[in-house]
C-alpha cells in the first residue's frame, strides 16, 4: 500500500490533493500535515512513507528549507513540490533543494497523478519538468503588468494572499527589511501608498496572481 505525506497549510487544498491522490491505486493512504514541524513529527513516527508532497509557502519552515532537511534526514524518500510559486526561478530552486518533481497549483489533479506515478515507478525519482504550468498570457502576469521583478512579484502574490511582512519574509527566506524594500517598490509601481490601497489596485487591475 502506497503512503503519501501531504504537507500543505490550507485544509481545503490538502483535502483536494488527498482526493486526487486517492485515485492513484486502491488502498493508497494520504497522511496530512499542516506545516513543516508536523511533517517532521509524522516522518519520525512513520518510516514507511513512500513520497512527500510539499507546498513551498508553509507557515513555519518554508518548503525550500524543509526539502533540505528531508534530504539530510530522510534521503531515501522522494519529494514533489506542489506550489503556486511556479516561476522558473522557484522551480529551479526547489529542484536544487532536493525536490524530485514540481507541479504548479494551476495544474489539474490528473497532472499531479501523472507526476506522482512517474516518481514512484521503479522507485527512481526523476525531475518532473513537464508538469510546470503553461506560461501566463502576455500582460497578465504581475511582473509584466506592473513592471516588477520576479522577487517583487512573489512578494505581491503573498501580499494579495493576506500575508504579513514577517510571514512573507519567513516564506521567501528574506529579512523583513528586504521585504519592506520590495513593498516600497510595489507601492510605487501600483501608484499607491498603503497595503489596503495595493489590494484594491490588484483587484481592479484583474492581474492573475
N, C-alpha and C. Protein backbone atom coordinates (compact mmCIF):
# COMPACT_ATOMS: atom_id res chain seq x y z
N UNK A 1 0.84 -1.20 0.00
CA UNK A 1 0.00 0.00 0.00
C UNK A 1 0.87 1.25 0.00
N UNK A 2 0.60 2.16 -0.90
CA UNK A 2 1.36 3.40 -1.01
C UNK A 2 0.92 4.40 0.04
N UNK A 3 1.91 5.01 0.73
CA UNK A 3 1.62 6.03 1.74
C UNK A 3 2.26 7.34 1.31
N UNK A 4 1.44 8.39 1.28
CA UNK A 4 1.90 9.69 0.82
C UNK A 4 1.66 10.74 1.89
N UNK A 5 2.69 11.51 2.19
CA UNK A 5 2.57 12.62 3.14
C UNK A 5 2.30 13.91 2.38
N UNK A 6 1.21 14.59 2.71
CA UNK A 6 0.86 15.87 2.08
C UNK A 6 1.14 16.98 3.08
N UNK A 7 2.05 17.89 2.73
CA UNK A 7 2.42 19.00 3.61
C UNK A 7 1.91 20.29 3.00
N UNK A 8 0.81 20.79 3.54
CA UNK A 8 0.11 21.96 2.98
C UNK A 8 -0.69 22.61 4.10
N UNK A 9 -0.56 23.95 4.26
CA UNK A 9 -1.20 24.60 5.41
C UNK A 9 -2.68 24.93 5.18
N UNK A 10 -3.17 24.85 3.96
CA UNK A 10 -4.59 25.12 3.72
C UNK A 10 -5.36 23.80 3.68
N UNK A 11 -6.29 23.64 4.61
CA UNK A 11 -7.01 22.37 4.76
C UNK A 11 -7.75 21.97 3.49
N UNK A 12 -8.40 22.92 2.83
CA UNK A 12 -9.17 22.59 1.63
C UNK A 12 -8.26 22.08 0.52
N UNK A 13 -7.07 22.69 0.41
CA UNK A 13 -6.12 22.25 -0.62
C UNK A 13 -5.60 20.86 -0.29
N UNK A 14 -5.29 20.62 1.00
CA UNK A 14 -4.84 19.28 1.42
C UNK A 14 -5.88 18.23 1.07
N UNK A 15 -7.14 18.54 1.38
CA UNK A 15 -8.21 17.58 1.13
C UNK A 15 -8.37 17.31 -0.37
N UNK A 16 -8.24 18.37 -1.19
CA UNK A 16 -8.37 18.20 -2.63
C UNK A 16 -7.22 17.34 -3.18
N UNK A 17 -6.00 17.57 -2.68
CA UNK A 17 -4.88 16.77 -3.13
C UNK A 17 -5.03 15.32 -2.70
N UNK A 18 -5.49 15.12 -1.47
CA UNK A 18 -5.69 13.75 -0.97
C UNK A 18 -6.74 13.03 -1.81
N UNK A 19 -7.79 13.76 -2.19
CA UNK A 19 -8.83 13.17 -3.02
C UNK A 19 -8.28 12.77 -4.38
N UNK A 20 -7.45 13.64 -4.98
CA UNK A 20 -6.85 13.32 -6.27
C UNK A 20 -5.92 12.12 -6.16
N UNK A 21 -5.08 12.12 -5.12
CA UNK A 21 -4.09 11.05 -4.96
C UNK A 21 -4.73 9.72 -4.59
N UNK A 22 -5.95 9.76 -4.06
CA UNK A 22 -6.62 8.52 -3.71
C UNK A 22 -6.93 7.68 -4.95
N UNK A 23 -6.89 8.33 -6.13
CA UNK A 23 -7.14 7.62 -7.38
C UNK A 23 -5.88 6.97 -7.94
N UNK A 24 -4.78 7.14 -7.23
CA UNK A 24 -3.51 6.58 -7.70
C UNK A 24 -3.58 5.07 -7.82
N UNK A 25 -4.11 4.42 -6.80
CA UNK A 25 -4.25 2.97 -6.78
C UNK A 25 -5.16 2.60 -5.61
N UNK A 26 -5.74 1.41 -5.61
CA UNK A 26 -6.59 1.02 -4.48
C UNK A 26 -5.79 0.97 -3.18
N UNK A 27 -6.37 1.52 -2.13
CA UNK A 27 -5.73 1.43 -0.81
C UNK A 27 -4.67 2.46 -0.51
N UNK A 28 -4.45 3.44 -1.43
CA UNK A 28 -3.44 4.47 -1.15
C UNK A 28 -3.84 5.24 0.11
N UNK A 29 -2.87 5.54 0.95
CA UNK A 29 -3.13 6.26 2.19
C UNK A 29 -2.43 7.61 2.16
N UNK A 30 -3.19 8.68 2.43
CA UNK A 30 -2.62 10.03 2.48
C UNK A 30 -2.60 10.51 3.93
N UNK A 31 -1.42 10.89 4.39
CA UNK A 31 -1.27 11.43 5.74
C UNK A 31 -1.05 12.93 5.58
N UNK A 32 -1.80 13.74 6.30
CA UNK A 32 -1.76 15.19 6.12
C UNK A 32 -0.99 15.89 7.24
N UNK A 33 -0.24 16.93 6.87
CA UNK A 33 0.48 17.76 7.83
C UNK A 33 0.28 19.21 7.43
N UNK A 34 0.03 20.09 8.41
CA UNK A 34 -0.27 21.49 8.13
C UNK A 34 0.97 22.37 8.06
N UNK A 35 2.11 21.87 8.52
CA UNK A 35 3.33 22.67 8.48
C UNK A 35 4.55 21.75 8.54
N UNK A 36 5.74 22.36 8.47
CA UNK A 36 6.97 21.58 8.44
C UNK A 36 7.21 20.80 9.71
N UNK A 37 6.96 21.41 10.86
CA UNK A 37 7.18 20.72 12.13
C UNK A 37 6.29 19.48 12.24
N UNK A 38 5.03 19.62 11.85
CA UNK A 38 4.12 18.49 11.90
C UNK A 38 4.57 17.39 10.94
N UNK A 39 5.06 17.81 9.76
CA UNK A 39 5.54 16.84 8.78
C UNK A 39 6.72 16.04 9.32
N UNK A 40 7.66 16.73 9.96
CA UNK A 40 8.83 16.04 10.51
C UNK A 40 8.44 15.10 11.64
N UNK A 41 7.45 15.51 12.43
CA UNK A 41 6.97 14.64 13.51
C UNK A 41 6.35 13.37 12.94
N UNK A 42 5.59 13.51 11.84
CA UNK A 42 4.99 12.34 11.19
C UNK A 42 6.08 11.41 10.67
N UNK A 43 7.10 11.98 10.05
CA UNK A 43 8.18 11.18 9.49
C UNK A 43 8.97 10.44 10.56
N UNK A 44 9.09 11.05 11.72
CA UNK A 44 9.78 10.39 12.83
C UNK A 44 8.99 9.18 13.32
N UNK A 45 7.66 9.29 13.25
CA UNK A 45 6.80 8.21 13.74
C UNK A 45 6.61 7.11 12.70
N UNK A 46 6.60 7.49 11.41
CA UNK A 46 6.32 6.53 10.36
C UNK A 46 7.49 6.47 9.38
N UNK A 47 8.12 5.34 9.34
CA UNK A 47 9.30 5.18 8.48
C UNK A 47 8.96 4.53 7.15
N UNK A 48 7.66 4.24 6.92
CA UNK A 48 7.28 3.52 5.71
C UNK A 48 6.56 4.40 4.68
N UNK A 49 6.76 5.72 4.77
CA UNK A 49 6.15 6.60 3.79
C UNK A 49 6.88 6.50 2.45
N UNK A 50 6.14 6.60 1.35
CA UNK A 50 6.72 6.43 0.03
C UNK A 50 7.05 7.74 -0.67
N UNK A 51 6.36 8.81 -0.29
CA UNK A 51 6.51 10.07 -1.00
C UNK A 51 5.99 11.22 -0.16
N UNK A 52 6.63 12.39 -0.29
CA UNK A 52 6.13 13.61 0.35
C UNK A 52 5.72 14.59 -0.74
N UNK A 53 4.54 15.20 -0.58
CA UNK A 53 4.05 16.24 -1.47
C UNK A 53 4.07 17.53 -0.67
N UNK A 54 4.85 18.52 -1.11
CA UNK A 54 5.16 19.67 -0.27
C UNK A 54 4.81 21.00 -0.94
N UNK A 55 4.14 21.86 -0.21
CA UNK A 55 3.92 23.24 -0.65
C UNK A 55 5.14 24.07 -0.26
N UNK A 56 5.44 25.10 -1.02
CA UNK A 56 6.61 25.94 -0.69
C UNK A 56 6.28 26.99 0.36
N UNK A 57 5.02 27.46 0.39
CA UNK A 57 4.65 28.55 1.29
C UNK A 57 4.01 28.00 2.56
N UNK A 58 4.85 27.55 3.48
CA UNK A 58 4.39 26.99 4.74
C UNK A 58 4.55 28.01 5.86
N UNK A 59 3.76 27.93 6.92
CA UNK A 59 3.77 28.97 7.95
C UNK A 59 4.97 28.97 8.88
N UNK A 60 5.72 27.86 8.96
CA UNK A 60 6.87 27.85 9.85
C UNK A 60 8.15 27.69 9.04
N UNK A 61 8.56 26.49 8.79
CA UNK A 61 9.72 26.22 7.93
C UNK A 61 9.25 26.30 6.49
N UNK A 62 9.86 27.16 5.66
CA UNK A 62 9.38 27.23 4.28
C UNK A 62 9.74 25.95 3.53
N UNK A 63 9.05 25.73 2.42
CA UNK A 63 9.21 24.48 1.69
C UNK A 63 10.62 24.21 1.22
N UNK A 64 11.35 25.26 0.83
CA UNK A 64 12.73 25.07 0.39
C UNK A 64 13.58 24.49 1.52
N UNK A 65 13.44 25.07 2.70
CA UNK A 65 14.21 24.60 3.85
C UNK A 65 13.79 23.18 4.24
N UNK A 66 12.49 22.91 4.16
CA UNK A 66 12.00 21.57 4.50
C UNK A 66 12.58 20.53 3.55
N UNK A 67 12.69 20.86 2.28
CA UNK A 67 13.29 19.93 1.31
C UNK A 67 14.73 19.59 1.69
N UNK A 68 15.48 20.60 2.11
CA UNK A 68 16.87 20.38 2.51
C UNK A 68 16.93 19.46 3.73
N UNK A 69 16.05 19.73 4.70
CA UNK A 69 16.01 18.90 5.92
C UNK A 69 15.66 17.46 5.58
N UNK A 70 14.67 17.28 4.71
CA UNK A 70 14.27 15.93 4.32
C UNK A 70 15.42 15.21 3.62
N UNK A 71 16.15 15.93 2.79
CA UNK A 71 17.27 15.32 2.07
C UNK A 71 18.34 14.81 3.01
N UNK A 72 18.52 15.50 4.12
CA UNK A 72 19.55 15.09 5.09
C UNK A 72 19.06 13.99 6.03
N UNK A 73 17.81 14.12 6.48
CA UNK A 73 17.30 13.18 7.50
C UNK A 73 16.57 11.97 6.91
N UNK A 74 15.97 12.16 5.71
CA UNK A 74 15.23 11.06 5.08
C UNK A 74 15.60 11.00 3.60
N UNK A 75 16.86 10.71 3.31
CA UNK A 75 17.37 10.79 1.93
C UNK A 75 16.74 9.80 0.95
N UNK A 76 16.14 8.74 1.45
CA UNK A 76 15.58 7.72 0.56
C UNK A 76 14.14 8.01 0.14
N UNK A 77 13.54 9.04 0.71
CA UNK A 77 12.15 9.34 0.38
C UNK A 77 12.08 10.50 -0.61
N UNK A 78 11.52 10.28 -1.80
CA UNK A 78 11.38 11.37 -2.77
C UNK A 78 10.34 12.39 -2.34
N UNK A 79 10.48 13.60 -2.84
CA UNK A 79 9.52 14.67 -2.53
C UNK A 79 9.17 15.40 -3.81
N UNK A 80 7.90 15.74 -3.94
CA UNK A 80 7.45 16.51 -5.08
C UNK A 80 6.80 17.80 -4.57
N UNK A 81 7.11 18.90 -5.19
CA UNK A 81 6.57 20.20 -4.78
C UNK A 81 5.30 20.50 -5.57
N UNK A 82 4.28 20.96 -4.87
CA UNK A 82 3.05 21.46 -5.50
C UNK A 82 2.85 22.88 -4.97
N UNK A 83 3.04 23.88 -5.84
CA UNK A 83 3.06 25.26 -5.35
C UNK A 83 2.52 26.24 -6.37
N UNK A 84 2.01 27.36 -5.86
CA UNK A 84 1.59 28.46 -6.73
C UNK A 84 2.78 29.29 -7.17
N UNK A 85 3.89 29.16 -6.46
CA UNK A 85 5.13 29.85 -6.85
C UNK A 85 5.80 29.02 -7.95
N UNK A 86 5.30 29.18 -9.19
CA UNK A 86 5.72 28.30 -10.26
C UNK A 86 6.60 28.99 -11.32
N UNK A 87 7.21 30.11 -10.96
CA UNK A 87 8.13 30.77 -11.89
C UNK A 87 9.39 29.92 -12.02
N UNK A 88 10.14 30.15 -13.08
CA UNK A 88 11.32 29.33 -13.37
C UNK A 88 12.32 29.32 -12.22
N UNK A 89 12.51 30.49 -11.59
CA UNK A 89 13.49 30.57 -10.50
C UNK A 89 13.09 29.70 -9.32
N UNK A 90 11.80 29.70 -8.98
CA UNK A 90 11.32 28.89 -7.86
C UNK A 90 11.41 27.40 -8.17
N UNK A 91 11.10 27.04 -9.42
CA UNK A 91 11.20 25.63 -9.82
C UNK A 91 12.65 25.16 -9.71
N UNK A 92 13.57 25.96 -10.25
CA UNK A 92 14.99 25.58 -10.18
C UNK A 92 15.46 25.48 -8.74
N UNK A 93 15.04 26.44 -7.91
CA UNK A 93 15.46 26.44 -6.51
C UNK A 93 14.92 25.22 -5.77
N UNK A 94 13.66 24.84 -6.07
CA UNK A 94 13.06 23.68 -5.41
C UNK A 94 13.80 22.40 -5.81
N UNK A 95 14.10 22.26 -7.10
CA UNK A 95 14.81 21.06 -7.55
C UNK A 95 16.22 21.02 -6.97
N UNK A 96 16.86 22.17 -6.88
CA UNK A 96 18.20 22.23 -6.29
C UNK A 96 18.16 21.87 -4.81
N UNK A 97 17.07 22.23 -4.13
CA UNK A 97 16.95 21.94 -2.69
C UNK A 97 16.65 20.47 -2.42
N UNK A 98 16.29 19.72 -3.48
CA UNK A 98 16.07 18.30 -3.29
C UNK A 98 14.77 17.74 -3.81
N UNK A 99 13.91 18.60 -4.38
CA UNK A 99 12.65 18.09 -4.93
C UNK A 99 12.93 17.21 -6.13
N UNK A 100 12.16 16.14 -6.27
CA UNK A 100 12.31 15.25 -7.41
C UNK A 100 11.34 15.60 -8.53
N UNK A 101 10.43 16.51 -8.26
CA UNK A 101 9.47 16.95 -9.26
C UNK A 101 8.77 18.21 -8.81
N UNK A 102 8.08 18.87 -9.74
CA UNK A 102 7.40 20.13 -9.43
C UNK A 102 6.10 20.18 -10.22
N UNK A 103 5.01 20.48 -9.52
CA UNK A 103 3.71 20.64 -10.16
C UNK A 103 3.12 21.98 -9.73
N UNK A 104 2.68 22.76 -10.69
CA UNK A 104 2.05 24.04 -10.37
C UNK A 104 0.66 23.80 -9.80
N UNK A 105 0.24 24.65 -8.85
CA UNK A 105 -1.12 24.55 -8.32
C UNK A 105 -2.16 24.93 -9.36
N UNK A 106 -1.70 25.52 -10.46
CA UNK A 106 -2.63 25.82 -11.55
C UNK A 106 -2.95 24.58 -12.38
N UNK A 107 -2.23 23.49 -12.12
CA UNK A 107 -2.43 22.25 -12.87
C UNK A 107 -3.63 21.48 -12.33
N UNK A 108 -4.06 20.50 -13.10
CA UNK A 108 -5.19 19.66 -12.70
C UNK A 108 -4.73 18.52 -11.80
N UNK A 109 -5.70 17.86 -11.19
CA UNK A 109 -5.39 16.69 -10.37
C UNK A 109 -4.76 15.58 -11.18
N UNK A 110 -5.13 15.48 -12.47
CA UNK A 110 -4.56 14.43 -13.32
C UNK A 110 -3.07 14.67 -13.54
N UNK A 111 -2.68 15.93 -13.66
CA UNK A 111 -1.26 16.25 -13.82
C UNK A 111 -0.48 15.81 -12.58
N UNK A 112 -1.05 16.09 -11.41
CA UNK A 112 -0.41 15.66 -10.16
C UNK A 112 -0.28 14.14 -10.12
N UNK A 113 -1.34 13.43 -10.51
CA UNK A 113 -1.30 11.97 -10.51
C UNK A 113 -0.22 11.45 -11.44
N UNK A 114 -0.10 12.03 -12.63
CA UNK A 114 0.93 11.58 -13.58
C UNK A 114 2.32 11.80 -13.02
N UNK A 115 2.52 12.95 -12.36
CA UNK A 115 3.82 13.26 -11.78
C UNK A 115 4.18 12.27 -10.68
N UNK A 116 3.21 11.98 -9.82
CA UNK A 116 3.45 11.04 -8.72
C UNK A 116 3.74 9.64 -9.26
N UNK A 117 2.98 9.23 -10.27
CA UNK A 117 3.23 7.90 -10.86
C UNK A 117 4.64 7.82 -11.45
N UNK A 118 5.07 8.88 -12.11
CA UNK A 118 6.41 8.89 -12.70
C UNK A 118 7.48 8.76 -11.62
N UNK A 119 7.25 9.43 -10.50
CA UNK A 119 8.23 9.37 -9.41
C UNK A 119 8.28 8.00 -8.75
N UNK A 120 7.12 7.37 -8.64
CA UNK A 120 7.06 6.10 -7.93
C UNK A 120 7.38 4.89 -8.80
N UNK A 121 7.24 5.01 -10.10
CA UNK A 121 7.52 3.88 -10.98
C UNK A 121 8.99 3.49 -10.92
N UNK A 122 9.25 2.29 -10.52
CA UNK A 122 10.62 1.81 -10.45
C UNK A 122 11.38 2.30 -9.26
N UNK A 123 10.77 3.15 -8.45
CA UNK A 123 11.45 3.64 -7.25
C UNK A 123 12.60 4.59 -7.52
N UNK A 124 12.68 5.16 -8.73
CA UNK A 124 13.76 6.09 -9.07
C UNK A 124 13.16 7.46 -9.32
N UNK A 125 13.23 8.36 -8.35
CA UNK A 125 12.65 9.69 -8.54
C UNK A 125 13.40 10.50 -9.59
N UNK A 126 12.67 11.14 -10.49
CA UNK A 126 13.28 11.97 -11.52
C UNK A 126 12.58 13.32 -11.57
N UNK A 127 13.30 14.38 -11.92
CA UNK A 127 12.65 15.69 -12.00
C UNK A 127 11.51 15.68 -13.00
N UNK A 128 10.38 16.23 -12.60
CA UNK A 128 9.19 16.26 -13.46
C UNK A 128 9.04 17.67 -14.01
N UNK A 129 9.80 17.99 -15.03
CA UNK A 129 9.77 19.34 -15.58
C UNK A 129 8.54 19.56 -16.44
N UNK A 130 7.97 18.51 -16.99
CA UNK A 130 6.83 18.66 -17.90
C UNK A 130 5.57 19.09 -17.18
N UNK A 131 5.57 19.08 -15.83
CA UNK A 131 4.36 19.41 -15.09
C UNK A 131 4.27 20.87 -14.72
N UNK A 132 5.22 21.68 -15.15
CA UNK A 132 5.11 23.10 -14.87
C UNK A 132 3.92 23.67 -15.62
N UNK A 133 3.30 24.67 -15.04
CA UNK A 133 2.11 25.26 -15.66
C UNK A 133 2.50 26.02 -16.92
N UNK A 134 1.58 26.14 -17.88
CA UNK A 134 1.85 26.92 -19.07
C UNK A 134 2.14 28.37 -18.70
N UNK A 135 2.95 29.01 -19.53
CA UNK A 135 3.25 30.42 -19.26
C UNK A 135 1.98 31.24 -19.37
N UNK A 136 1.86 32.20 -18.49
CA UNK A 136 0.66 33.03 -18.47
C UNK A 136 0.60 33.90 -19.72
N UNK A 137 -0.59 34.31 -20.08
CA UNK A 137 -0.78 35.14 -21.26
C UNK A 137 -0.03 36.45 -21.09
N UNK A 138 0.52 36.98 -22.19
CA UNK A 138 1.26 38.23 -22.11
C UNK A 138 0.41 39.32 -21.47
N UNK A 139 1.03 40.06 -20.55
CA UNK A 139 0.36 41.17 -19.91
C UNK A 139 -0.46 40.78 -18.71
N UNK A 140 -0.65 39.49 -18.46
CA UNK A 140 -1.46 39.05 -17.34
C UNK A 140 -0.64 38.82 -16.07
N UNK A 141 0.63 38.44 -16.23
CA UNK A 141 1.46 38.18 -15.05
C UNK A 141 1.75 39.49 -14.33
N UNK A 142 1.79 39.45 -12.98
CA UNK A 142 2.05 40.68 -12.21
C UNK A 142 3.34 41.38 -12.61
N UNK A 143 4.41 40.62 -12.85
CA UNK A 143 5.69 41.22 -13.19
C UNK A 143 5.58 42.06 -14.45
N UNK A 144 4.86 41.52 -15.45
CA UNK A 144 4.71 42.25 -16.72
C UNK A 144 3.71 43.39 -16.59
N UNK A 145 2.61 43.15 -15.91
CA UNK A 145 1.56 44.17 -15.81
C UNK A 145 2.04 45.39 -15.05
N UNK A 146 2.79 45.17 -13.96
CA UNK A 146 3.19 46.28 -13.11
C UNK A 146 4.67 46.65 -13.24
N UNK A 147 5.41 45.92 -14.08
CA UNK A 147 6.83 46.21 -14.24
C UNK A 147 7.65 45.82 -13.02
N UNK A 148 7.31 44.67 -12.42
CA UNK A 148 8.00 44.23 -11.20
C UNK A 148 9.07 43.19 -11.52
N UNK A 149 10.02 43.07 -10.63
CA UNK A 149 11.00 41.99 -10.73
C UNK A 149 10.32 40.69 -10.28
N UNK A 150 10.98 39.56 -10.53
CA UNK A 150 10.43 38.27 -10.10
C UNK A 150 10.25 38.24 -8.58
N UNK A 151 11.24 38.76 -7.86
CA UNK A 151 11.17 38.77 -6.39
C UNK A 151 10.00 39.63 -5.91
N UNK A 152 9.83 40.80 -6.54
CA UNK A 152 8.73 41.69 -6.15
C UNK A 152 7.39 41.05 -6.47
N UNK A 153 7.30 40.31 -7.59
CA UNK A 153 6.05 39.64 -7.95
C UNK A 153 5.69 38.58 -6.93
N UNK A 154 6.71 37.87 -6.39
CA UNK A 154 6.44 36.85 -5.36
C UNK A 154 5.89 37.52 -4.10
N UNK A 155 6.50 38.65 -3.72
CA UNK A 155 6.03 39.38 -2.54
C UNK A 155 4.60 39.86 -2.77
N UNK A 156 4.31 40.33 -3.98
CA UNK A 156 2.96 40.81 -4.30
C UNK A 156 1.94 39.68 -4.18
N UNK A 157 2.29 38.49 -4.64
CA UNK A 157 1.37 37.36 -4.56
C UNK A 157 1.04 37.03 -3.10
N UNK A 158 2.07 37.08 -2.25
CA UNK A 158 1.85 36.79 -0.83
C UNK A 158 1.07 37.92 -0.16
N UNK A 159 1.34 39.15 -0.58
CA UNK A 159 0.58 40.30 -0.08
C UNK A 159 -0.89 40.14 -0.41
N UNK A 160 -1.17 39.74 -1.65
CA UNK A 160 -2.55 39.54 -2.07
C UNK A 160 -3.21 38.39 -1.30
N UNK A 161 -2.39 37.47 -0.80
CA UNK A 161 -2.91 36.35 -0.02
C UNK A 161 -3.10 36.68 1.45
N UNK A 162 -2.86 37.96 1.82
CA UNK A 162 -3.10 38.40 3.18
C UNK A 162 -1.95 38.15 4.15
N UNK A 163 -0.77 37.83 3.62
CA UNK A 163 0.37 37.55 4.49
C UNK A 163 0.97 38.84 5.04
N UNK A 164 1.45 38.79 6.28
CA UNK A 164 2.13 39.94 6.88
C UNK A 164 3.57 39.99 6.37
N UNK A 165 4.26 41.13 6.63
CA UNK A 165 5.65 41.24 6.21
C UNK A 165 6.51 40.15 6.83
N UNK A 166 6.27 39.84 8.10
CA UNK A 166 7.04 38.79 8.77
C UNK A 166 6.80 37.43 8.11
N UNK A 167 5.54 37.14 7.79
CA UNK A 167 5.21 35.86 7.14
C UNK A 167 5.85 35.79 5.76
N UNK A 168 5.80 36.90 5.03
CA UNK A 168 6.40 36.93 3.69
C UNK A 168 7.90 36.68 3.79
N UNK A 169 8.54 37.31 4.77
CA UNK A 169 9.98 37.13 4.97
C UNK A 169 10.31 35.67 5.26
N UNK A 170 9.54 35.06 6.14
CA UNK A 170 9.78 33.67 6.51
C UNK A 170 9.56 32.73 5.33
N UNK A 171 8.50 32.95 4.58
CA UNK A 171 8.16 32.07 3.46
C UNK A 171 9.17 32.16 2.33
N UNK A 172 9.71 33.34 2.10
CA UNK A 172 10.65 33.54 0.98
C UNK A 172 12.11 33.49 1.42
N UNK A 173 12.35 33.31 2.71
CA UNK A 173 13.73 33.25 3.20
C UNK A 173 14.43 34.60 3.13
N UNK A 174 13.70 35.68 3.38
CA UNK A 174 14.25 37.04 3.32
C UNK A 174 14.21 37.67 4.71
N UNK A 175 14.88 38.81 4.85
CA UNK A 175 14.75 39.60 6.07
C UNK A 175 13.54 40.51 5.92
N UNK A 176 12.99 40.95 7.05
CA UNK A 176 11.84 41.87 6.98
C UNK A 176 12.24 43.17 6.29
N UNK A 177 13.50 43.59 6.49
CA UNK A 177 13.98 44.81 5.83
C UNK A 177 13.92 44.69 4.32
N UNK A 178 14.32 43.52 3.79
CA UNK A 178 14.26 43.30 2.35
C UNK A 178 12.83 43.29 1.86
N UNK A 179 11.94 42.69 2.63
CA UNK A 179 10.52 42.67 2.25
C UNK A 179 9.99 44.10 2.19
N UNK A 180 10.36 44.94 3.16
CA UNK A 180 9.90 46.33 3.16
C UNK A 180 10.39 47.08 1.93
N UNK A 181 11.63 46.79 1.51
CA UNK A 181 12.17 47.42 0.30
C UNK A 181 11.33 47.00 -0.91
N UNK A 182 11.01 45.70 -0.98
CA UNK A 182 10.18 45.22 -2.09
C UNK A 182 8.78 45.84 -2.03
N UNK A 183 8.25 45.99 -0.83
CA UNK A 183 6.91 46.57 -0.68
C UNK A 183 6.89 48.02 -1.17
N UNK A 184 7.93 48.77 -0.83
CA UNK A 184 8.03 50.16 -1.28
C UNK A 184 8.03 50.23 -2.80
N UNK A 185 8.79 49.32 -3.44
CA UNK A 185 8.86 49.30 -4.90
C UNK A 185 7.50 48.91 -5.49
N UNK A 186 6.81 47.99 -4.84
CA UNK A 186 5.49 47.56 -5.31
C UNK A 186 4.49 48.71 -5.21
N UNK A 187 4.48 49.41 -4.07
CA UNK A 187 3.58 50.55 -3.90
C UNK A 187 3.82 51.59 -5.00
N UNK A 188 5.10 51.84 -5.28
CA UNK A 188 5.44 52.83 -6.30
C UNK A 188 4.93 52.37 -7.67
N UNK A 189 5.11 51.08 -7.98
CA UNK A 189 4.69 50.55 -9.28
C UNK A 189 3.17 50.59 -9.44
N UNK A 190 2.44 50.37 -8.33
CA UNK A 190 0.98 50.37 -8.37
C UNK A 190 0.38 51.76 -8.21
N UNK A 191 1.24 52.74 -7.83
CA UNK A 191 0.75 54.09 -7.62
C UNK A 191 -0.07 54.24 -6.37
N UNK A 192 0.30 53.49 -5.31
CA UNK A 192 -0.43 53.52 -4.04
C UNK A 192 0.54 53.79 -2.90
N UNK A 193 -0.01 53.95 -1.70
CA UNK A 193 0.85 54.26 -0.56
C UNK A 193 0.59 53.38 0.65
N UNK A 194 -0.27 52.37 0.51
CA UNK A 194 -0.54 51.51 1.65
C UNK A 194 -0.91 50.10 1.19
N UNK A 195 -0.89 49.16 2.13
CA UNK A 195 -1.23 47.78 1.83
C UNK A 195 -2.68 47.66 1.33
N UNK A 196 -3.61 48.35 2.01
CA UNK A 196 -5.02 48.25 1.61
C UNK A 196 -5.24 48.82 0.22
N UNK A 197 -4.57 49.93 -0.10
CA UNK A 197 -4.69 50.50 -1.43
C UNK A 197 -4.11 49.56 -2.49
N UNK A 198 -3.03 48.87 -2.12
CA UNK A 198 -2.40 47.92 -3.04
C UNK A 198 -3.36 46.78 -3.36
N UNK A 199 -4.07 46.28 -2.34
CA UNK A 199 -5.02 45.19 -2.56
C UNK A 199 -6.16 45.62 -3.47
N UNK A 200 -6.62 46.86 -3.30
CA UNK A 200 -7.68 47.38 -4.16
C UNK A 200 -7.17 47.51 -5.60
N UNK A 201 -5.94 48.02 -5.76
CA UNK A 201 -5.37 48.19 -7.08
C UNK A 201 -5.19 46.85 -7.79
N UNK A 202 -4.78 45.83 -7.03
CA UNK A 202 -4.61 44.49 -7.62
C UNK A 202 -5.96 43.96 -8.09
N UNK A 203 -6.99 44.11 -7.26
CA UNK A 203 -8.32 43.61 -7.61
C UNK A 203 -8.85 44.32 -8.85
N UNK A 204 -8.67 45.63 -8.92
CA UNK A 204 -9.19 46.39 -10.06
C UNK A 204 -8.45 46.10 -11.35
N UNK A 205 -7.15 45.74 -11.22
CA UNK A 205 -6.33 45.52 -12.40
C UNK A 205 -6.66 44.22 -13.13
N UNK A 206 -7.21 43.27 -12.37
CA UNK A 206 -7.50 41.97 -12.96
C UNK A 206 -6.27 41.13 -13.16
N UNK A 207 -5.17 41.51 -12.53
CA UNK A 207 -3.93 40.74 -12.65
C UNK A 207 -4.12 39.35 -12.09
N UNK A 208 -3.53 38.35 -12.76
CA UNK A 208 -3.67 36.97 -12.33
C UNK A 208 -2.54 36.62 -11.39
N UNK A 209 -2.85 36.46 -10.11
CA UNK A 209 -1.83 36.19 -9.10
C UNK A 209 -1.84 34.73 -8.68
